[in-house]
Amino acid sequence: MADTINVTIRLDRKVKENAERLFDELGMNMSTAFNIFARQALRQGKIPFEIYDRFYSEKNQAELDRRIADVEAGKNLSVHELIEAGDE
């Protein structure tokens, strides 16, 4: 058996509960899930999934470009238009 150690991590309570529920549905516990994550990260030499911020999504960038073009064209956007678009 491999030489193992204990590792302590901090998670938001809801994140932990939801993760445990998901991992249980997948037939594993938190320890197994984190071992899989660590091994895949080492094999790939990177985080084994895409990390992104929705701000930089293609849809949001297109909306920002549209708004910039509107402002540059002299079109005034009302506060209502800005709030409405932000709720999508």
C-alpha atoms as a PDB file:
ATOM      1  CA  MET A   1       0.000   0.000   0.000  1.00  0.00           C
ATOM      2  CA  ALA A   2       1.182   3.521  -0.781  1.00  0.00           C
ATOM      3  CA  ASP A   3       2.559   5.721   1.984  1.00  0.00           C
ATOM      4  CA  THR A   4      -0.308   8.116   2.732  1.00  0.00           C
ATOM      5  CA  ILE A   5      -0.674  11.302   4.778  1.00  0.00           C
ATOM      6  CA  ASN A   6      -3.642  13.333   5.953  1.00  0.00           C
ATOM      7  CA  VAL A   7      -4.341  16.653   4.233  1.00  0.00           C
ATOM      8  CA  THR A   8      -6.670  19.302   5.648  1.00  0.00           C
ATOM      9  CA  ILE A   9      -8.509  21.693   3.340  1.00  0.00           C
ATOM     10  CA  ARG A  10     -11.099  24.383   3.994  1.00  0.00           C
ATOM     11  CA  LEU A  11     -14.316  24.501   1.980  1.00  0.00           C
ATOM     12  CA  ASP A  12     -17.517  26.462   2.233  1.00  0.00           C
ATOM     13  CA  ARG A  13     -20.006  24.254   4.091  1.00  0.00           C
ATOM     14  CA  LYS A  14     -22.496  24.158   1.182  1.00  0.00           C
ATOM     15  CA  VAL A  15     -19.750  23.344  -1.326  1.00  0.00           C
ATOM     16  CA  LYS A  16     -18.617  20.442   0.854  1.00  0.00           C
ATOM     17  CA  GLU A  17     -22.149  19.109   1.326  1.00  0.00           C
ATOM     18  CA  ASN A  18     -22.941  19.346  -2.398  1.00  0.00           C
ATOM     19  CA  ALA A  19     -19.600  17.792  -3.353  1.00  0.00           C
ATOM     20  CA  GLU A  20     -20.108  14.896  -0.928  1.00  0.00           C
ATOM     21  CA  ARG A  21     -23.582  14.319  -2.372  1.00  0.00           C
ATOM     22  CA  LEU A  22     -22.247  14.317  -5.941  1.00  0.00           C
ATOM     23  CA  PHE A  23     -19.276  12.073  -5.152  1.00  0.00           C
ATOM     24  CA  ASP A  24     -21.545   9.665  -3.286  1.00  0.00           C
ATOM     25  CA  GLU A  25     -23.765   9.436  -6.381  1.00  0.00           C
ATOM     26  CA  LEU A  26     -20.613   8.637  -8.368  1.00  0.00           C
ATOM     27  CA  GLY A  27     -19.691   5.889  -5.902  1.00  0.00           C
ATOM     28  CA  MET A  28     -16.763   7.588  -4.193  1.00  0.00           C
ATOM     29  CA  ASN A  29     -15.953   9.664  -1.150  1.00  0.00           C
ATOM     30  CA  MET A  30     -14.294  13.077  -0.907  1.00  0.00           C
ATOM     31  CA  SER A  31     -10.850  11.550  -0.392  1.00  0.00           C
ATOM     32  CA  THR A  32     -11.103   9.433  -3.541  1.00  0.00           C
ATOM     33  CA  ALA A  33     -12.381  12.407  -5.568  1.00  0.00           C
ATOM     34  CA  PHE A  34      -9.497  14.622  -4.463  1.00  0.00           C
ATOM     35  CA  ASN A  35      -6.994  11.832  -5.152  1.00  0.00           C
ATOM     36  CA  ILE A  36      -8.384  11.527  -8.686  1.00  0.00           C
ATOM     37  CA  PHE A  37      -8.121  15.299  -9.122  1.00  0.00           C
ATOM     38  CA  ALA A  38      -4.505  15.404  -7.866  1.00  0.00           C
ATOM     39  CA  ARG A  39      -3.408  12.465 -10.019  1.00  0.00           C
ATOM     40  CA  GLN A  40      -5.000  13.906 -13.162  1.00  0.00           C
ATOM     41  CA  ALA A  41      -3.400  17.294 -12.476  1.00  0.00           C
ATOM     42  CA  LEU A  42      -0.006  15.622 -12.176  1.00  0.00           C
ATOM     43  CA  ARG A  43      -0.513  13.511 -15.325  1.00  0.00           C
ATOM     44  CA  GLN A  44      -1.619  16.502 -17.393  1.00  0.00           C
ATOM     45  CA  GLY A  45       0.698  19.047 -15.788  1.00  0.00           C
ATOM     46  CA  LYS A  46      -2.249  21.422 -15.332  1.00  0.00           C
ATOM     47  CA  ILE A  47      -5.668  21.749 -13.725  1.00  0.00           C
ATOM     48  CA  PRO A  48      -7.572  18.902 -15.431  1.00  0.00           C
ATOM     49  CA  PHE A  49     -10.537  21.049 -16.428  1.00  0.00           C
ATOM     50  CA  GLU A  50     -11.194  24.487 -17.865  1.00  0.00           C
ATOM     51  CA  ILE A  51     -11.328  27.356 -15.389  1.00  0.00           C
ATOM     52  CA  TYR A  52     -13.186  30.379 -16.664  1.00  0.00           C
ATOM     53  CA  ASP A  53     -14.958  33.514 -15.595  1.00  0.00           C
ATOM     54  CA  ARG A  54     -18.390  34.119 -17.180  1.00  0.00           C
ATOM     55  CA  PHE A  55     -17.385  37.756 -17.636  1.00  0.00           C
ATOM     56  CA  TYR A  56     -15.049  36.634 -20.434  1.00  0.00           C
ATOM     57  CA  SER A  57     -17.589  34.379 -22.160  1.00  0.00           C
ATOM     58  CA  GLU A  58     -18.128  34.967 -25.878  1.00  0.00           C
ATOM     59  CA  LYS A  59     -21.733  36.042 -25.263  1.00  0.00           C
ATOM     60  CA  ASN A  60     -20.765  38.615 -22.651  1.00  0.00           C
ATOM     61  CA  GLN A  61     -17.862  39.946 -24.703  1.00  0.00           C
ATOM     62  CA  ALA A  62     -20.184  40.344 -27.700  1.00  0.00           C
ATOM     63  CA  GLU A  63     -22.648  42.262 -25.501  1.00  0.00           C
ATOM     64  CA  LEU A  64     -19.853  44.516 -24.230  1.00  0.00           C
ATOM     65  CA  ASP A  65     -18.663  45.143 -27.799  1.00  0.00           C
ATOM     66  CA  ARG A  66     -22.233  46.037 -28.817  1.00  0.00           C
ATOM     67  CA  ARG A  67     -22.560  48.470 -25.936  1.00  0.00           C
ATOM     68  CA  ILE A  68     -19.209  50.079 -26.681  1.00  0.00           C
ATOM     69  CA  ALA A  69     -20.283  50.546 -30.311  1.00  0.00           C
ATOM     70  CA  ASP A  70     -23.576  52.098 -29.120  1.00  0.00           C
ATOM     71  CA  VAL A  71     -21.746  54.530 -26.833  1.00  0.00           C
ATOM     72  CA  GLU A  72     -19.241  55.414 -29.564  1.00  0.00           C
ATOM     73  CA  ALA A  73     -22.169  56.001 -31.958  1.00  0.00           C
ATOM     74  CA  GLY A  74     -23.696  58.396 -29.452  1.00  0.00           C
ATOM     75  CA  LYS A  75     -26.564  56.178 -28.409  1.00  0.00           C
ATOM     76  CA  ASN A  76     -27.472  56.729 -24.774  1.00  0.00           C
ATOM     77  CA  LEU A  77     -28.334  53.625 -22.784  1.00  0.00           C
ATOM     78  CA  SER A  78     -30.867  54.020 -20.032  1.00  0.00           C
ATOM     79  CA  VAL A  79     -30.291  52.523 -16.613  1.00  0.00           C
ATOM     80  CA  HIS A  80     -33.236  50.197 -17.300  1.00  0.00           C
ATOM     81  CA  GLU A  81     -31.546  48.785 -20.426  1.00  0.00           C
ATOM     82  CA  LEU A  82     -28.350  48.107 -18.486  1.00  0.00           C
ATOM     83  CA  ILE A  83     -30.119  46.379 -15.595  1.00  0.00           C
ATOM     84  CA  GLU A  84     -32.306  44.321 -17.922  1.00  0.00           C
ATOM     85  CA  ALA A  85     -29.328  43.048 -19.937  1.00  0.00           C
ATOM     86  CA  GLY A  86     -27.437  42.217 -16.747  1.00  0.00           C
ATOM     87  CA  ASP A  87     -30.235  39.942 -15.523  1.00  0.00           C
ATOM     88  CA  GLU A  88     -29.955  37.566 -18.486  1.00  0.00           C
END
